[in-house]
């Protein structure tokens, strides 16, 4: 019986980026705090996924009062 190779950290970030993109697609603009809670992943991992999406110009992040709002481009 063969086992699947372990997921690398870069793959985990990529998969989390896909999760975050889907959450934003369904819910629309969301606060960073709510996005981390909804993704149910470690905050650092969600932040890295957001960096991935930002680098690909798929999201926008802007400040609104004391919150950061994340939305798809």
PDB file of N, CA and C in Angstrom:
ATOM      1  N   UNK A   1       0.845  -1.187   0.000  1.00  0.00           N
ATOM      2  CA  UNK A   1       0.000   0.000   0.000  1.00  0.00           C
ATOM      3  C   UNK A   1       0.886   1.245   0.000  1.00  0.00           C
ATOM      4  N   UNK A   2       0.688   2.088  -0.975  1.00  0.00           N
ATOM      5  CA  UNK A   2       1.483   3.311  -1.070  1.00  0.00           C
ATOM      6  C   UNK A   2       0.802   4.437  -0.304  1.00  0.00           C
ATOM      7  N   UNK A   3       1.631   5.278   0.289  1.00  0.00           N
ATOM      8  CA  UNK A   3       1.087   6.449   0.965  1.00  0.00           C
ATOM      9  C   UNK A   3       1.392   7.680   0.134  1.00  0.00           C
ATOM     10  N   UNK A   4       0.535   8.654   0.237  1.00  0.00           N
ATOM     11  CA  UNK A   4       0.734   9.907  -0.495  1.00  0.00           C
ATOM     12  C   UNK A   4       1.918  10.656   0.099  1.00  0.00           C
ATOM     13  N   UNK A   5       2.672  11.346  -0.750  1.00  0.00           N
ATOM     14  CA  UNK A   5       3.786  12.133  -0.203  1.00  0.00           C
ATOM     15  C   UNK A   5       3.256  13.239   0.700  1.00  0.00           C
ATOM     16  N   UNK A   6       4.041  13.637   1.678  1.00  0.00           N
ATOM     17  CA  UNK A   6       3.573  14.700   2.589  1.00  0.00           C
ATOM     18  C   UNK A   6       3.386  16.021   1.841  1.00  0.00           C
ATOM     19  N   UNK A   7       2.429  16.782   2.290  1.00  0.00           N
ATOM     20  CA  UNK A   7       2.168  18.095   1.703  1.00  0.00           C
ATOM     21  C   UNK A   7       3.255  19.053   2.168  1.00  0.00           C
ATOM     22  N   UNK A   8       3.826  19.787   1.230  1.00  0.00           N
ATOM     23  CA  UNK A   8       4.846  20.762   1.602  1.00  0.00           C
ATOM     24  C   UNK A   8       4.172  22.018   2.135  1.00  0.00           C
ATOM     25  N   UNK A   9       4.944  22.827   2.817  1.00  0.00           N
ATOM     26  CA  UNK A   9       4.396  24.056   3.380  1.00  0.00           C
ATOM     27  C   UNK A   9       3.902  24.990   2.273  1.00  0.00           C
ATOM     28  N   UNK A  10       4.621  25.028   1.157  1.00  0.00           N
ATOM     29  CA  UNK A  10       4.198  25.884   0.035  1.00  0.00           C
ATOM     30  C   UNK A  10       2.862  25.394  -0.519  1.00  0.00           C
ATOM     31  N   UNK A  11       2.677  24.076  -0.602  1.00  0.00           N
ATOM     32  CA  UNK A  11       1.394  23.534  -1.054  1.00  0.00           C
ATOM     33  C   UNK A  11       0.277  23.916  -0.085  1.00  0.00           C
ATOM     34  N   UNK A  12       0.577  23.874   1.203  1.00  0.00           N
ATOM     35  CA  UNK A  12      -0.429  24.228   2.211  1.00  0.00           C
ATOM     36  C   UNK A  12      -0.838  25.696   2.078  1.00  0.00           C
ATOM     37  N   UNK A  13       0.130  26.556   1.806  1.00  0.00           N
ATOM     38  CA  UNK A  13      -0.182  27.975   1.603  1.00  0.00           C
ATOM     39  C   UNK A  13      -1.061  28.127   0.364  1.00  0.00           C
ATOM     40  N   UNK A  14      -0.701  27.428  -0.711  1.00  0.00           N
ATOM     41  CA  UNK A  14      -1.489  27.493  -1.946  1.00  0.00           C
ATOM     42  C   UNK A  14      -2.910  26.998  -1.749  1.00  0.00           C
ATOM     43  N   UNK A  15      -3.066  25.895  -1.025  1.00  0.00           N
ATOM     44  CA  UNK A  15      -4.407  25.374  -0.755  1.00  0.00           C
ATOM     45  C   UNK A  15      -5.209  26.339   0.105  1.00  0.00           C
ATOM     46  N   UNK A  16      -4.557  26.960   1.060  1.00  0.00           N
ATOM     47  CA  UNK A  16      -5.237  27.940   1.911  1.00  0.00           C
ATOM     48  C   UNK A  16      -5.609  29.170   1.091  1.00  0.00           C
ATOM     49  N   UNK A  17      -4.766  29.561   0.142  1.00  0.00           N
ATOM     50  CA  UNK A  17      -5.093  30.682  -0.747  1.00  0.00           C
ATOM     51  C   UNK A  17      -6.369  30.367  -1.527  1.00  0.00           C
ATOM     52  N   UNK A  18      -6.498  29.130  -1.990  1.00  0.00           N
ATOM     53  CA  UNK A  18      -7.724  28.724  -2.687  1.00  0.00           C
ATOM     54  C   UNK A  18      -8.931  28.777  -1.776  1.00  0.00           C
ATOM     55  N   UNK A  19      -8.767  28.324  -0.544  1.00  0.00           N
ATOM     56  CA  UNK A  19      -9.843  28.378   0.443  1.00  0.00           C
ATOM     57  C   UNK A  19     -10.269  29.820   0.697  1.00  0.00           C
ATOM     58  N   UNK A  20      -9.289  30.697   0.907  1.00  0.00           N
ATOM     59  CA  UNK A  20      -9.572  32.115   1.173  1.00  0.00           C
ATOM     60  C   UNK A  20     -10.288  32.734  -0.027  1.00  0.00           C
ATOM     61  N   UNK A  21      -9.812  32.440  -1.234  1.00  0.00           N
ATOM     62  CA  UNK A  21     -10.448  32.992  -2.439  1.00  0.00           C
ATOM     63  C   UNK A  21     -11.914  32.556  -2.500  1.00  0.00           C
ATOM     64  N   UNK A  22     -12.173  31.266  -2.236  1.00  0.00           N
ATOM     65  CA  UNK A  22     -13.552  30.764  -2.268  1.00  0.00           C
ATOM     66  C   UNK A  22     -14.420  31.410  -1.191  1.00  0.00           C
ATOM     67  N   UNK A  23     -13.868  31.604   0.001  1.00  0.00           N
ATOM     68  CA  UNK A  23     -14.629  32.267   1.067  1.00  0.00           C
ATOM     69  C   UNK A  23     -15.003  33.691   0.662  1.00  0.00           C
ATOM     70  N   UNK A  24     -14.048  34.412   0.072  1.00  0.00           N
ATOM     71  CA  UNK A  24     -14.319  35.782  -0.361  1.00  0.00           C
ATOM     72  C   UNK A  24     -15.312  35.809  -1.523  1.00  0.00           C
ATOM     73  N   UNK A  25     -15.231  34.820  -2.396  1.00  0.00           N
ATOM     74  CA  UNK A  25     -16.150  34.739  -3.530  1.00  0.00           C
ATOM     75  C   UNK A  25     -17.585  34.543  -3.045  1.00  0.00           C
ATOM     76  N   UNK A  26     -17.750  33.754  -1.995  1.00  0.00           N
ATOM     77  CA  UNK A  26     -19.088  33.476  -1.458  1.00  0.00           C
ATOM     78  C   UNK A  26     -19.620  34.596  -0.578  1.00  0.00           C
ATOM     79  N   UNK A  27     -18.741  35.193   0.244  1.00  0.00           N
ATOM     80  CA  UNK A  27     -19.219  36.144   1.249  1.00  0.00           C
ATOM     81  C   UNK A  27     -19.029  37.602   0.863  1.00  0.00           C
ATOM     82  N   UNK A  28     -18.206  37.870  -0.129  1.00  0.00           N
ATOM     83  CA  UNK A  28     -17.911  39.255  -0.486  1.00  0.00           C
ATOM     84  C   UNK A  28     -16.875  39.831   0.460  1.00  0.00           C
ATOM     85  N   UNK A  29     -16.678  41.144   0.416  1.00  0.00           N
ATOM     86  CA  UNK A  29     -15.669  41.778   1.275  1.00  0.00           C
ATOM     87  C   UNK A  29     -15.860  41.401   2.741  1.00  0.00           C
ATOM     88  N   UNK A  30     -14.756  41.075   3.393  1.00  0.00           N
ATOM     89  CA  UNK A  30     -14.790  40.559   4.759  1.00  0.00           C
ATOM     90  C   UNK A  30     -13.645  41.152   5.557  1.00  0.00           C
ATOM     91  N   UNK A  31     -13.872  41.350   6.848  1.00  0.00           N
ATOM     92  CA  UNK A  31     -12.766  41.825   7.683  1.00  0.00           C
ATOM     93  C   UNK A  31     -11.724  40.716   7.799  1.00  0.00           C
ATOM     94  N   UNK A  32     -10.503  41.133   8.009  1.00  0.00           N
ATOM     95  CA  UNK A  32      -9.407  40.187   8.167  1.00  0.00           C
ATOM     96  C   UNK A  32      -9.670  39.254   9.349  1.00  0.00           C
ATOM     97  N   UNK A  33     -10.170  39.801  10.434  1.00  0.00           N
ATOM     98  CA  UNK A  33     -10.460  38.999  11.630  1.00  0.00           C
ATOM     99  C   UNK A  33     -11.492  37.911  11.329  1.00  0.00           C
ATOM    100  N   UNK A  34     -12.568  38.279  10.652  1.00  0.00           N
ATOM    101  CA  UNK A  34     -13.613  37.314  10.326  1.00  0.00           C
ATOM    102  C   UNK A  34     -13.099  36.279   9.329  1.00  0.00           C
ATOM    103  N   UNK A  35     -12.268  36.693   8.395  1.00  0.00           N
ATOM    104  CA  UNK A  35     -11.718  35.775   7.403  1.00  0.00           C
ATOM    105  C   UNK A  35     -10.859  34.699   8.068  1.00  0.00           C
ATOM    106  N   UNK A  36     -10.017  35.099   9.011  1.00  0.00           N
ATOM    107  CA  UNK A  36      -9.174  34.137   9.733  1.00  0.00           C
ATOM    108  C   UNK A  36     -10.057  33.163  10.511  1.00  0.00           C
ATOM    109  N   UNK A  37     -11.090  33.676  11.149  1.00  0.00           N
ATOM    110  CA  UNK A  37     -11.984  32.822  11.940  1.00  0.00           C
ATOM    111  C   UNK A  37     -12.748  31.845  11.036  1.00  0.00           C
ATOM    112  N   UNK A  38     -13.251  32.335   9.909  1.00  0.00           N
ATOM    113  CA  UNK A  38     -14.024  31.506   8.992  1.00  0.00           C
ATOM    114  C   UNK A  38     -13.159  30.444   8.318  1.00  0.00           C
ATOM    115  N   UNK A  39     -11.933  30.799   7.983  1.00  0.00           N
ATOM    116  CA  UNK A  39     -11.028  29.847   7.326  1.00  0.00           C
ATOM    117  C   UNK A  39     -10.651  28.706   8.264  1.00  0.00           C
ATOM    118  N   UNK A  40     -10.692  28.960   9.558  1.00  0.00           N
ATOM    119  CA  UNK A  40     -10.355  27.957  10.568  1.00  0.00           C
ATOM    120  C   UNK A  40      -8.958  27.369  10.332  1.00  0.00           C
ATOM    121  N   UNK A  41      -8.032  28.259  10.026  1.00  0.00           N
ATOM    122  CA  UNK A  41      -6.619  27.921   9.831  1.00  0.00           C
ATOM    123  C   UNK A  41      -5.806  28.846  10.721  1.00  0.00           C
ATOM    124  N   UNK A  42      -4.558  28.489  11.012  1.00  0.00           N
ATOM    125  CA  UNK A  42      -3.726  29.399  11.800  1.00  0.00           C
ATOM    126  C   UNK A  42      -3.595  30.768  11.121  1.00  0.00           C
ATOM    127  N   UNK A  43      -3.620  31.822  11.924  1.00  0.00           N
ATOM    128  CA  UNK A  43      -3.557  33.187  11.401  1.00  0.00           C
ATOM    129  C   UNK A  43      -2.347  33.386  10.482  1.00  0.00           C
ATOM    130  N   UNK A  44      -1.190  32.872  10.871  1.00  0.00           N
ATOM    131  CA  UNK A  44       0.006  33.031  10.040  1.00  0.00           C
ATOM    132  C   UNK A  44      -0.198  32.418   8.660  1.00  0.00           C
ATOM    133  N   UNK A  45      -0.836  31.260   8.609  1.00  0.00           N
ATOM    134  CA  UNK A  45      -1.075  30.597   7.333  1.00  0.00           C
ATOM    135  C   UNK A  45      -2.038  31.406   6.463  1.00  0.00           C
ATOM    136  N   UNK A  46      -3.081  31.956   7.055  1.00  0.00           N
ATOM    137  CA  UNK A  46      -4.028  32.787   6.309  1.00  0.00           C
ATOM    138  C   UNK A  46      -3.327  34.051   5.796  1.00  0.00           C
ATOM    139  N   UNK A  47      -2.470  34.632   6.613  1.00  0.00           N
ATOM    140  CA  UNK A  47      -1.739  35.827   6.178  1.00  0.00           C
ATOM    141  C   UNK A  47      -0.819  35.506   4.999  1.00  0.00           C
ATOM    142  N   UNK A  48      -0.164  34.351   5.039  1.00  0.00           N
ATOM    143  CA  UNK A  48       0.691  33.955   3.925  1.00  0.00           C
ATOM    144  C   UNK A  48      -0.140  33.709   2.673  1.00  0.00           C
ATOM    145  N   UNK A  49      -1.310  33.115   2.837  1.00  0.00           N
ATOM    146  CA  UNK A  49      -2.214  32.898   1.708  1.00  0.00           C
ATOM    147  C   UNK A  49      -2.674  34.230   1.129  1.00  0.00           C
ATOM    148  N   UNK A  50      -2.944  35.198   1.993  1.00  0.00           N
ATOM    149  CA  UNK A  50      -3.331  36.525   1.504  1.00  0.00           C
ATOM    150  C   UNK A  50      -2.187  37.177   0.740  1.00  0.00           C
ATOM    151  N   UNK A  51      -0.973  36.982   1.207  1.00  0.00           N
ATOM    152  CA  UNK A  51       0.189  37.496   0.488  1.00  0.00           C
ATOM    153  C   UNK A  51       0.299  36.876  -0.894  1.00  0.00           C
ATOM    154  N   UNK A  52       0.046  35.593  -0.975  1.00  0.00           N
ATOM    155  CA  UNK A  52       0.053  34.860  -2.245  1.00  0.00           C
ATOM    156  C   UNK A  52      -0.971  35.489  -3.195  1.00  0.00           C
ATOM    157  N   UNK A  53      -2.209  35.659  -2.694  1.00  0.00           N
ATOM    158  CA  UNK A  53      -3.278  36.230  -3.519  1.00  0.00           C
ATOM    159  C   UNK A  53      -3.001  37.682  -3.898  1.00  0.00           C
ATOM    160  N   UNK A  54      -2.422  38.438  -2.973  1.00  0.00           N
ATOM    161  CA  UNK A  54      -2.086  39.836  -3.259  1.00  0.00           C
ATOM    162  C   UNK A  54      -1.015  39.914  -4.344  1.00  0.00           C
ATOM    163  N   UNK A  55      -0.026  39.043  -4.262  1.00  0.00           N
ATOM    164  CA  UNK A  55       1.054  39.018  -5.254  1.00  0.00           C
ATOM    165  C   UNK A  55       0.502  38.703  -6.644  1.00  0.00           C
ATOM    166  N   UNK A  56      -0.524  37.865  -6.690  1.00  0.00           N
ATOM    167  CA  UNK A  56      -1.165  37.526  -7.962  1.00  0.00           C
ATOM    168  C   UNK A  56      -2.228  38.549  -8.363  1.00  0.00           C
ATOM    169  N   UNK A  57      -2.357  39.612  -7.572  1.00  0.00           N
ATOM    170  CA  UNK A  57      -3.315  40.702  -7.822  1.00  0.00           C
ATOM    171  C   UNK A  57      -4.759  40.199  -7.887  1.00  0.00           C
ATOM    172  N   UNK A  58      -5.089  39.258  -7.001  1.00  0.00           N
ATOM    173  CA  UNK A  58      -6.442  38.703  -6.954  1.00  0.00           C
ATOM    174  C   UNK A  58      -7.286  39.304  -5.837  1.00  0.00           C
ATOM    175  N   UNK A  59      -6.639  40.007  -4.897  1.00  0.00           N
ATOM    176  CA  UNK A  59      -7.376  40.608  -3.787  1.00  0.00           C
ATOM    177  C   UNK A  59      -6.941  42.055  -3.584  1.00  0.00           C
ATOM    178  N   UNK A  60      -7.768  42.760  -2.849  1.00  0.00           N
ATOM    179  CA  UNK A  60      -7.446  44.113  -2.385  1.00  0.00           C
ATOM    180  C   UNK A  60      -7.658  44.130  -0.879  1.00  0.00           C
ATOM    181  N   UNK A  61      -6.812  44.872  -0.189  1.00  0.00           N
ATOM    182  CA  UNK A  61      -6.954  45.036   1.256  1.00  0.00           C
ATOM    183  C   UNK A  61      -6.950  46.526   1.537  1.00  0.00           C
ATOM    184  N   UNK A  62      -7.983  47.007   2.222  1.00  0.00           N
ATOM    185  CA  UNK A  62      -7.994  48.419   2.592  1.00  0.00           C
ATOM    186  C   UNK A  62      -8.453  48.569   4.037  1.00  0.00           C
ATOM    187  N   UNK A  63      -8.059  49.669   4.632  1.00  0.00           N
ATOM    188  CA  UNK A  63      -8.430  49.927   6.025  1.00  0.00           C
ATOM    189  C   UNK A  63      -9.726  50.707   6.081  1.00  0.00           C
ATOM    190  N   UNK A  64     -10.555  50.321   7.017  1.00  0.00           N
ATOM    191  CA  UNK A  64     -11.827  50.985   7.246  1.00  0.00           C
ATOM    192  C   UNK A  64     -11.967  51.139   8.753  1.00  0.00           C
ATOM    193  N   UNK A  65     -11.811  52.324   9.233  1.00  0.00           N
ATOM    194  CA  UNK A  65     -11.753  52.606  10.667  1.00  0.00           C
ATOM    195  C   UNK A  65     -10.619  51.810  11.286  1.00  0.00           C
ATOM    196  N   UNK A  66     -10.945  50.854  12.150  1.00  0.00           N
ATOM    197  CA  UNK A  66      -9.892  50.074  12.824  1.00  0.00           C
ATOM    198  C   UNK A  66      -9.774  48.656  12.258  1.00  0.00           C
ATOM    199  N   UNK A  67     -10.410  48.392  11.127  1.00  0.00           N
ATOM    200  CA  UNK A  67     -10.408  47.047  10.546  1.00  0.00           C
ATOM    201  C   UNK A  67      -9.746  47.058   9.171  1.00  0.00           C
ATOM    202  N   UNK A  68      -9.254  45.917   8.773  1.00  0.00           N
ATOM    203  CA  UNK A  68      -8.772  45.726   7.405  1.00  0.00           C
ATOM    204  C   UNK A  68      -9.819  44.886   6.682  1.00  0.00           C
ATOM    205  N   UNK A  69     -10.249  45.374   5.521  1.00  0.00           N
ATOM    206  CA  UNK A  69     -11.248  44.693   4.725  1.00  0.00           C
ATOM    207  C   UNK A  69     -10.561  44.046   3.535  1.00  0.00           C
ATOM    208  N   UNK A  70     -10.846  42.762   3.319  1.00  0.00           N
ATOM    209  CA  UNK A  70     -10.266  42.002   2.209  1.00  0.00           C
ATOM    210  C   UNK A  70     -11.372  41.729   1.204  1.00  0.00           C
ATOM    211  N   UNK A  71     -11.082  41.973  -0.073  1.00  0.00           N
ATOM    212  CA  UNK A  71     -12.064  41.702  -1.129  1.00  0.00           C
ATOM    213  C   UNK A  71     -11.358  41.202  -2.374  1.00  0.00           C
ATOM    214  N   UNK A  72     -12.113  40.526  -3.221  1.00  0.00           N
ATOM    215  CA  UNK A  72     -11.574  40.077  -4.504  1.00  0.00           C
ATOM    216  C   UNK A  72     -11.485  41.277  -5.441  1.00  0.00           C
ATOM    217  N   UNK A  73     -10.546  41.226  -6.358  1.00  0.00           N
ATOM    218  CA  UNK A  73     -10.410  42.287  -7.367  1.00  0.00           C
ATOM    219  C   UNK A  73     -11.379  42.061  -8.492  1.00  0.00           C
TER     220      UNK A  73
END
